[in-house]
Each structure stands twice: as C-alpha cells, then as structure tokens.
C-alpha cells in the first residue's frame, strides 16, 4: 500500500508557504472542496502554473517552489500599486479590458520608462517570483 505524501500550499504571488497537509486528499478537503485530481496535477506539475486560476498552488513536500511570473500594476510615477496572478484578475480589478491588459504585457518592456502613454494611467509589467 502506498503511503500518502505530504503536500505544501504556496501563495502564487510570493511563493511563501501558506499551508501544509498530510496528503492530497486532506489538501483538497481543506481548500473549499478543491478537486483531488487538480491538487494531484499541481503537485506533479502536469498542468504547470503558467496560467493560474487560483492565488495558490500545491507541491509535494520536499519539491521546490515553482519560479514564475505575476503581473505588476504601476502608477504614472512607476510605483507598484498591486500585483495580480493572471490577466483576468488584473482586468477585473483595474477595470481595464482584457485586450488592453494583454497588449501592455505582450510588449514585454523591461523598463517601464520605455512605454507608450497608457490612457488609464496604469502600466503593467510581468514580475519574476522565485
């Protein structure tokens, strides 16, 4: 009989540990009825975390957290206002259209000063999370 592997829950924005569970089943049950198969897929990296739908992800204990990107939202003075875990969350919370969000991120400016004037006064850029 297989012994259950402990599971760790990470915050998507910071990669900090926000939960520990004795098994995939426990992790699923204690996270608003999360499906066991989805927790398993996150733990085994079968679906990756490129396009997250949750502000968290799971890994087996002992596996390193996954480096990835989040979306940073900056004001006109280039101060970070807020971060988002995906384009849909960014569009919803900023009031920008999904196409506008995608357009700013697609250009991939490494330096926000190399941007075109945003009509909204908000500037978006991917931020590395390690």
N, C-alpha and C. Protein backbone atom coordinates (compact mmCIF):
# COMPACT_ATOMS: atom_id res chain seq x y z
N UNK A 1 0.83 -1.18 0.00
CA UNK A 1 0.00 0.00 0.00
C UNK A 1 0.89 1.26 0.00
N UNK A 2 0.50 2.22 -0.81
CA UNK A 2 1.27 3.46 -0.91
C UNK A 2 1.02 4.35 0.29
N UNK A 3 2.08 4.96 0.75
CA UNK A 3 1.99 5.89 1.87
C UNK A 3 1.68 7.29 1.31
N UNK A 4 0.70 8.02 1.90
CA UNK A 4 0.39 9.36 1.40
C UNK A 4 1.60 10.30 1.52
N UNK A 5 1.78 11.14 0.51
CA UNK A 5 2.87 12.12 0.54
C UNK A 5 2.33 13.45 1.07
N UNK A 6 3.07 14.09 1.98
CA UNK A 6 2.64 15.41 2.46
C UNK A 6 2.65 16.44 1.33
N UNK A 7 1.75 17.41 1.44
CA UNK A 7 1.56 18.43 0.41
C UNK A 7 1.75 19.81 1.04
N UNK A 8 2.35 20.72 0.27
CA UNK A 8 2.56 22.10 0.71
C UNK A 8 1.77 23.02 -0.23
N UNK A 9 1.12 24.03 0.36
CA UNK A 9 0.38 25.03 -0.41
C UNK A 9 1.19 26.33 -0.42
N UNK A 10 1.42 26.88 -1.63
CA UNK A 10 2.20 28.11 -1.79
C UNK A 10 1.31 29.25 -2.26
N UNK A 11 1.61 30.45 -1.78
CA UNK A 11 0.97 31.66 -2.27
C UNK A 11 1.56 31.96 -3.65
N UNK A 12 0.71 32.15 -4.65
CA UNK A 12 1.20 32.36 -6.01
C UNK A 12 1.99 33.65 -6.17
N UNK A 13 1.59 34.69 -5.42
CA UNK A 13 2.25 35.99 -5.58
C UNK A 13 3.63 36.05 -4.93
N UNK A 14 3.85 35.29 -3.85
CA UNK A 14 5.09 35.41 -3.08
C UNK A 14 5.93 34.14 -3.00
N UNK A 15 5.34 33.00 -3.34
CA UNK A 15 5.96 31.68 -3.18
C UNK A 15 6.20 31.33 -1.71
N UNK A 16 5.48 31.98 -0.80
CA UNK A 16 5.57 31.64 0.62
C UNK A 16 4.63 30.48 0.93
N UNK A 17 5.03 29.63 1.86
CA UNK A 17 4.19 28.51 2.27
C UNK A 17 3.01 29.05 3.07
N UNK A 18 1.80 28.68 2.66
CA UNK A 18 0.59 29.12 3.37
C UNK A 18 -0.24 27.96 3.90
N UNK A 19 0.24 26.73 3.70
CA UNK A 19 -0.47 25.57 4.23
C UNK A 19 0.34 24.30 4.07
N UNK A 20 0.12 23.37 5.01
CA UNK A 20 0.75 22.04 4.94
C UNK A 20 -0.34 21.00 5.22
N UNK A 21 -0.27 19.90 4.48
CA UNK A 21 -1.29 18.86 4.59
C UNK A 21 -0.63 17.49 4.57
N UNK A 22 -1.26 16.54 5.22
CA UNK A 22 -0.71 15.19 5.31
C UNK A 22 -0.83 14.43 3.99
N UNK A 23 -1.77 14.84 3.12
CA UNK A 23 -1.99 14.13 1.86
C UNK A 23 -2.71 15.02 0.86
N UNK A 24 -2.80 14.54 -0.36
CA UNK A 24 -3.55 15.25 -1.39
C UNK A 24 -5.02 15.33 -1.01
N UNK A 25 -5.55 14.26 -0.46
CA UNK A 25 -6.96 14.24 -0.06
C UNK A 25 -7.23 15.31 0.99
N UNK A 26 -6.39 15.41 1.99
CA UNK A 26 -6.56 16.42 3.04
C UNK A 26 -6.46 17.83 2.44
N UNK A 27 -5.50 18.04 1.55
CA UNK A 27 -5.33 19.35 0.92
C UNK A 27 -6.60 19.73 0.14
N UNK A 28 -7.16 18.77 -0.57
CA UNK A 28 -8.38 19.03 -1.35
C UNK A 28 -9.56 19.36 -0.43
N UNK A 29 -9.73 18.58 0.60
CA UNK A 29 -10.86 18.77 1.51
C UNK A 29 -10.78 20.10 2.27
N UNK A 30 -9.59 20.50 2.65
CA UNK A 30 -9.44 21.72 3.46
C UNK A 30 -9.34 22.99 2.63
N UNK A 31 -9.46 22.88 1.32
CA UNK A 31 -9.39 24.04 0.45
C UNK A 31 -10.65 24.17 -0.38
N UNK A 32 -11.73 24.46 0.30
CA UNK A 32 -13.02 24.74 -0.32
C UNK A 32 -13.44 23.68 -1.33
N UNK A 33 -13.24 22.44 -0.98
CA UNK A 33 -13.66 21.37 -1.87
C UNK A 33 -12.89 21.28 -3.16
N UNK A 34 -11.63 21.68 -3.14
CA UNK A 34 -10.76 21.58 -4.31
C UNK A 34 -10.76 20.11 -4.78
N UNK A 35 -10.78 19.89 -6.07
CA UNK A 35 -10.80 18.52 -6.59
C UNK A 35 -9.45 17.84 -6.36
N UNK A 36 -9.51 16.59 -5.93
CA UNK A 36 -8.30 15.81 -5.67
C UNK A 36 -7.43 15.74 -6.92
N UNK A 37 -8.05 15.55 -8.07
CA UNK A 37 -7.26 15.44 -9.31
C UNK A 37 -6.52 16.73 -9.62
N UNK A 38 -7.13 17.88 -9.34
CA UNK A 38 -6.46 19.16 -9.60
C UNK A 38 -5.28 19.36 -8.65
N UNK A 39 -5.44 19.00 -7.37
CA UNK A 39 -4.33 19.09 -6.42
C UNK A 39 -3.21 18.17 -6.87
N UNK A 40 -3.56 16.95 -7.28
CA UNK A 40 -2.56 15.99 -7.77
C UNK A 40 -1.81 16.56 -8.97
N UNK A 41 -2.55 17.14 -9.93
CA UNK A 41 -1.91 17.68 -11.13
C UNK A 41 -0.96 18.82 -10.79
N UNK A 42 -1.34 19.67 -9.82
CA UNK A 42 -0.45 20.75 -9.41
C UNK A 42 0.80 20.18 -8.73
N UNK A 43 0.60 19.19 -7.88
CA UNK A 43 1.73 18.57 -7.16
C UNK A 43 2.73 17.92 -8.12
N UNK A 44 2.21 17.29 -9.16
CA UNK A 44 3.08 16.58 -10.10
C UNK A 44 3.49 17.46 -11.28
N UNK A 45 3.05 18.71 -11.26
CA UNK A 45 3.38 19.70 -12.29
C UNK A 45 2.85 19.31 -13.67
N UNK A 46 1.80 18.50 -13.70
CA UNK A 46 1.26 18.07 -15.00
C UNK A 46 0.57 19.22 -15.72
N UNK A 47 0.06 20.19 -14.97
CA UNK A 47 -0.58 21.33 -15.64
C UNK A 47 0.23 22.61 -15.48
N UNK A 48 1.36 22.53 -14.80
CA UNK A 48 2.19 23.72 -14.59
C UNK A 48 1.44 24.81 -13.86
N UNK A 49 2.01 26.01 -13.85
CA UNK A 49 1.30 27.13 -13.25
C UNK A 49 1.43 28.35 -14.16
N UNK A 50 1.47 28.12 -15.44
CA UNK A 50 1.64 29.22 -16.39
C UNK A 50 0.41 30.12 -16.44
N UNK A 51 -0.77 29.57 -16.34
CA UNK A 51 -2.00 30.35 -16.39
C UNK A 51 -2.86 29.99 -15.19
N UNK A 52 -2.52 30.51 -14.02
CA UNK A 52 -3.21 30.09 -12.81
C UNK A 52 -4.64 30.60 -12.73
N UNK A 53 -5.48 29.83 -12.09
CA UNK A 53 -6.86 30.26 -11.84
C UNK A 53 -7.10 30.49 -10.36
N UNK A 54 -6.07 30.24 -9.57
CA UNK A 54 -6.16 30.41 -8.13
C UNK A 54 -4.96 31.22 -7.64
N UNK A 55 -5.11 31.88 -6.49
CA UNK A 55 -3.96 32.63 -5.96
C UNK A 55 -2.98 31.75 -5.19
N UNK A 56 -3.03 30.45 -5.42
CA UNK A 56 -2.15 29.50 -4.73
C UNK A 56 -1.91 28.30 -5.63
N UNK A 57 -0.93 27.48 -5.25
CA UNK A 57 -0.70 26.21 -5.94
C UNK A 57 -0.10 25.22 -4.94
N UNK A 58 -0.10 23.94 -5.30
CA UNK A 58 0.37 22.87 -4.42
C UNK A 58 1.61 22.19 -4.99
N UNK A 59 2.46 21.71 -4.10
CA UNK A 59 3.60 20.87 -4.45
C UNK A 59 3.75 19.82 -3.36
N UNK A 60 4.35 18.68 -3.72
CA UNK A 60 4.68 17.71 -2.69
C UNK A 60 5.76 18.29 -1.80
N UNK A 61 5.67 17.97 -0.51
CA UNK A 61 6.69 18.45 0.42
C UNK A 61 8.05 17.95 -0.04
N UNK A 62 9.03 18.80 -0.01
CA UNK A 62 10.38 18.47 -0.47
C UNK A 62 10.65 18.94 -1.88
N UNK A 63 9.59 19.15 -2.69
CA UNK A 63 9.77 19.70 -4.03
C UNK A 63 9.90 21.22 -3.90
N UNK A 64 10.79 21.83 -4.67
CA UNK A 64 10.97 23.28 -4.55
C UNK A 64 9.77 24.06 -5.09
N UNK A 65 9.57 25.28 -4.60
CA UNK A 65 8.51 26.11 -5.19
C UNK A 65 8.85 26.43 -6.64
N UNK A 66 7.83 26.70 -7.40
CA UNK A 66 7.97 26.92 -8.84
C UNK A 66 8.25 28.40 -9.15
N UNK A 67 9.38 28.72 -9.80
CA UNK A 67 9.57 30.12 -10.23
C UNK A 67 8.58 30.44 -11.36
N UNK A 68 8.04 31.63 -11.35
CA UNK A 68 7.04 32.02 -12.35
C UNK A 68 6.91 33.54 -12.38
N UNK A 69 5.96 34.05 -13.13
CA UNK A 69 5.74 35.49 -13.19
C UNK A 69 4.34 35.84 -12.70
N UNK A 70 4.22 37.05 -12.16
CA UNK A 70 2.93 37.63 -11.83
C UNK A 70 2.86 38.97 -12.56
N UNK A 71 1.73 39.63 -12.49
CA UNK A 71 1.55 40.91 -13.17
C UNK A 71 1.66 42.03 -12.14
N UNK A 72 2.53 42.98 -12.41
CA UNK A 72 2.65 44.17 -11.56
C UNK A 72 1.92 45.33 -12.21
N UNK A 73 1.17 46.09 -11.41
CA UNK A 73 0.45 47.26 -11.89
C UNK A 73 1.09 48.50 -11.26
N UNK A 74 1.53 49.43 -12.10
CA UNK A 74 2.26 50.61 -11.65
C UNK A 74 1.48 51.88 -11.97
N UNK A 75 1.68 52.92 -11.15
CA UNK A 75 1.07 54.22 -11.44
C UNK A 75 1.98 55.02 -12.38
N UNK A 76 1.59 56.26 -12.67
CA UNK A 76 2.36 57.09 -13.62
C UNK A 76 3.77 57.42 -13.13
N UNK A 77 3.99 57.33 -11.81
CA UNK A 77 5.32 57.58 -11.25
C UNK A 77 6.12 56.29 -11.08
N UNK A 78 5.61 55.21 -11.65
CA UNK A 78 6.26 53.90 -11.64
C UNK A 78 6.34 53.28 -10.24
N UNK A 79 5.37 53.59 -9.39
CA UNK A 79 5.26 52.95 -8.08
C UNK A 79 4.36 51.73 -8.22
N UNK A 80 4.79 50.62 -7.67
CA UNK A 80 3.98 49.40 -7.72
C UNK A 80 2.73 49.59 -6.88
N UNK A 81 1.56 49.42 -7.48
CA UNK A 81 0.29 49.60 -6.78
C UNK A 81 -0.23 48.26 -6.27
N UNK A 82 -0.22 47.26 -7.15
CA UNK A 82 -0.81 45.97 -6.81
C UNK A 82 -0.24 44.89 -7.73
N UNK A 83 -0.38 43.64 -7.30
CA UNK A 83 0.02 42.53 -8.14
C UNK A 83 -1.18 41.63 -8.39
N UNK A 84 -1.14 40.92 -9.52
CA UNK A 84 -2.23 40.02 -9.92
C UNK A 84 -1.64 38.70 -10.36
N UNK A 85 -2.38 37.61 -10.16
CA UNK A 85 -1.86 36.31 -10.53
C UNK A 85 -2.20 35.90 -11.95
N UNK A 86 -3.13 36.61 -12.61
CA UNK A 86 -3.38 36.35 -14.03
C UNK A 86 -4.03 37.56 -14.69
N UNK A 87 -4.17 37.52 -16.00
CA UNK A 87 -4.70 38.65 -16.76
C UNK A 87 -6.17 38.94 -16.43
N UNK A 88 -6.94 37.90 -16.20
CA UNK A 88 -8.36 38.09 -15.89
C UNK A 88 -8.52 38.83 -14.57
N UNK A 89 -7.76 38.44 -13.54
CA UNK A 89 -7.84 39.14 -12.26
C UNK A 89 -7.41 40.60 -12.45
N UNK A 90 -6.37 40.83 -13.22
CA UNK A 90 -5.88 42.19 -13.48
C UNK A 90 -6.96 43.02 -14.17
N UNK A 91 -7.57 42.49 -15.21
CA UNK A 91 -8.61 43.22 -15.94
C UNK A 91 -9.81 43.53 -15.04
N UNK A 92 -10.23 42.56 -14.25
CA UNK A 92 -11.39 42.74 -13.38
C UNK A 92 -11.14 43.81 -12.32
N UNK A 93 -10.00 43.74 -11.66
CA UNK A 93 -9.73 44.65 -10.54
C UNK A 93 -9.31 46.05 -10.98
N UNK A 94 -8.73 46.19 -12.18
CA UNK A 94 -8.30 47.51 -12.63
C UNK A 94 -9.36 48.20 -13.48
N UNK A 95 -10.31 47.43 -14.00
CA UNK A 95 -11.32 47.99 -14.89
C UNK A 95 -10.83 48.12 -16.32
N UNK A 96 -9.62 47.67 -16.59
CA UNK A 96 -9.10 47.66 -17.96
C UNK A 96 -9.68 46.46 -18.69
N UNK A 97 -9.81 46.56 -19.98
CA UNK A 97 -10.25 45.41 -20.75
C UNK A 97 -9.16 44.36 -20.82
N UNK A 98 -9.55 43.09 -21.00
CA UNK A 98 -8.57 42.03 -21.09
C UNK A 98 -7.60 42.28 -22.24
N UNK A 99 -8.10 42.83 -23.35
CA UNK A 99 -7.25 43.11 -24.51
C UNK A 99 -6.20 44.17 -24.18
N UNK A 100 -6.59 45.20 -23.41
CA UNK A 100 -5.64 46.24 -23.01
C UNK A 100 -4.56 45.65 -22.10
N UNK A 101 -4.97 44.79 -21.18
CA UNK A 101 -4.01 44.12 -20.28
C UNK A 101 -3.04 43.29 -21.11
N UNK A 102 -3.58 42.47 -21.99
CA UNK A 102 -2.75 41.61 -22.82
C UNK A 102 -1.80 42.44 -23.69
N UNK A 103 -2.30 43.54 -24.25
CA UNK A 103 -1.47 44.38 -25.12
C UNK A 103 -0.27 44.97 -24.39
N UNK A 104 -0.49 45.48 -23.17
CA UNK A 104 0.64 46.04 -22.42
C UNK A 104 1.65 44.96 -22.06
N UNK A 105 1.17 43.80 -21.62
CA UNK A 105 2.08 42.73 -21.21
C UNK A 105 2.81 42.11 -22.40
N UNK A 106 2.15 42.07 -23.54
CA UNK A 106 2.75 41.46 -24.74
C UNK A 106 4.02 42.19 -25.16
N UNK A 107 4.04 43.51 -25.00
CA UNK A 107 5.21 44.29 -25.40
C UNK A 107 6.43 43.96 -24.56
N UNK A 108 6.23 43.50 -23.33
CA UNK A 108 7.32 43.00 -22.51
C UNK A 108 8.41 44.00 -22.20
N UNK A 109 8.06 45.23 -21.93
CA UNK A 109 9.08 46.23 -21.60
C UNK A 109 9.82 45.85 -20.34
N UNK A 110 11.14 45.85 -20.40
CA UNK A 110 11.94 45.57 -19.22
C UNK A 110 12.01 46.81 -18.34
N UNK A 111 11.93 47.98 -18.94
CA UNK A 111 11.97 49.24 -18.22
C UNK A 111 10.67 49.97 -18.53
N UNK A 112 9.90 50.28 -17.50
CA UNK A 112 8.60 50.91 -17.73
C UNK A 112 8.71 52.27 -18.41
N UNK A 113 9.88 52.90 -18.36
CA UNK A 113 10.04 54.21 -18.99
C UNK A 113 10.04 54.08 -20.51
N UNK A 114 10.20 52.87 -21.02
CA UNK A 114 10.18 52.63 -22.47
C UNK A 114 8.77 52.29 -22.93
N UNK A 115 7.78 52.88 -22.34
CA UNK A 115 6.41 52.51 -22.67
C UNK A 115 5.71 53.62 -23.42
N UNK A 116 4.58 53.27 -24.02
CA UNK A 116 3.73 54.27 -24.63
C UNK A 116 2.83 54.83 -23.53
N UNK A 117 2.30 56.03 -23.69
CA UNK A 117 1.43 56.58 -22.64
C UNK A 117 0.16 55.74 -22.50
N UNK A 118 -0.09 55.28 -21.30
CA UNK A 118 -1.30 54.49 -21.04
C UNK A 118 -2.44 55.46 -20.76
N UNK A 119 -3.53 55.30 -21.46
CA UNK A 119 -4.67 56.20 -21.26
C UNK A 119 -5.24 56.07 -19.85
N UNK A 120 -5.10 54.93 -19.26
CA UNK A 120 -5.64 54.68 -17.92
C UNK A 120 -4.75 55.24 -16.82
N UNK A 121 -3.49 55.54 -17.16
CA UNK A 121 -2.54 55.96 -16.13
C UNK A 121 -1.95 54.77 -15.39
N UNK A 122 -2.29 53.55 -15.82
CA UNK A 122 -1.76 52.33 -15.21
C UNK A 122 -0.83 51.65 -16.20
N UNK A 123 0.26 51.13 -15.69
CA UNK A 123 1.24 50.44 -16.51
C UNK A 123 1.44 49.04 -15.97
N UNK A 124 1.50 48.07 -16.85
CA UNK A 124 1.57 46.67 -16.46
C UNK A 124 2.88 46.05 -16.93
N UNK A 125 3.41 45.17 -16.10
CA UNK A 125 4.67 44.51 -16.42
C UNK A 125 4.71 43.18 -15.68
N UNK A 126 5.29 42.15 -16.30
CA UNK A 126 5.50 40.89 -15.61
C UNK A 126 6.61 41.04 -14.58
N UNK A 127 6.43 40.39 -13.44
CA UNK A 127 7.42 40.39 -12.36
C UNK A 127 7.80 38.94 -12.07
N UNK A 128 9.09 38.66 -11.97
CA UNK A 128 9.56 37.31 -11.64
C UNK A 128 9.34 37.01 -10.16
N UNK A 129 8.83 35.83 -9.87
CA UNK A 129 8.69 35.34 -8.49
C UNK A 129 9.53 34.08 -8.39
N UNK A 130 10.49 34.07 -7.47
CA UNK A 130 11.38 32.91 -7.35
C UNK A 130 11.19 32.21 -6.03
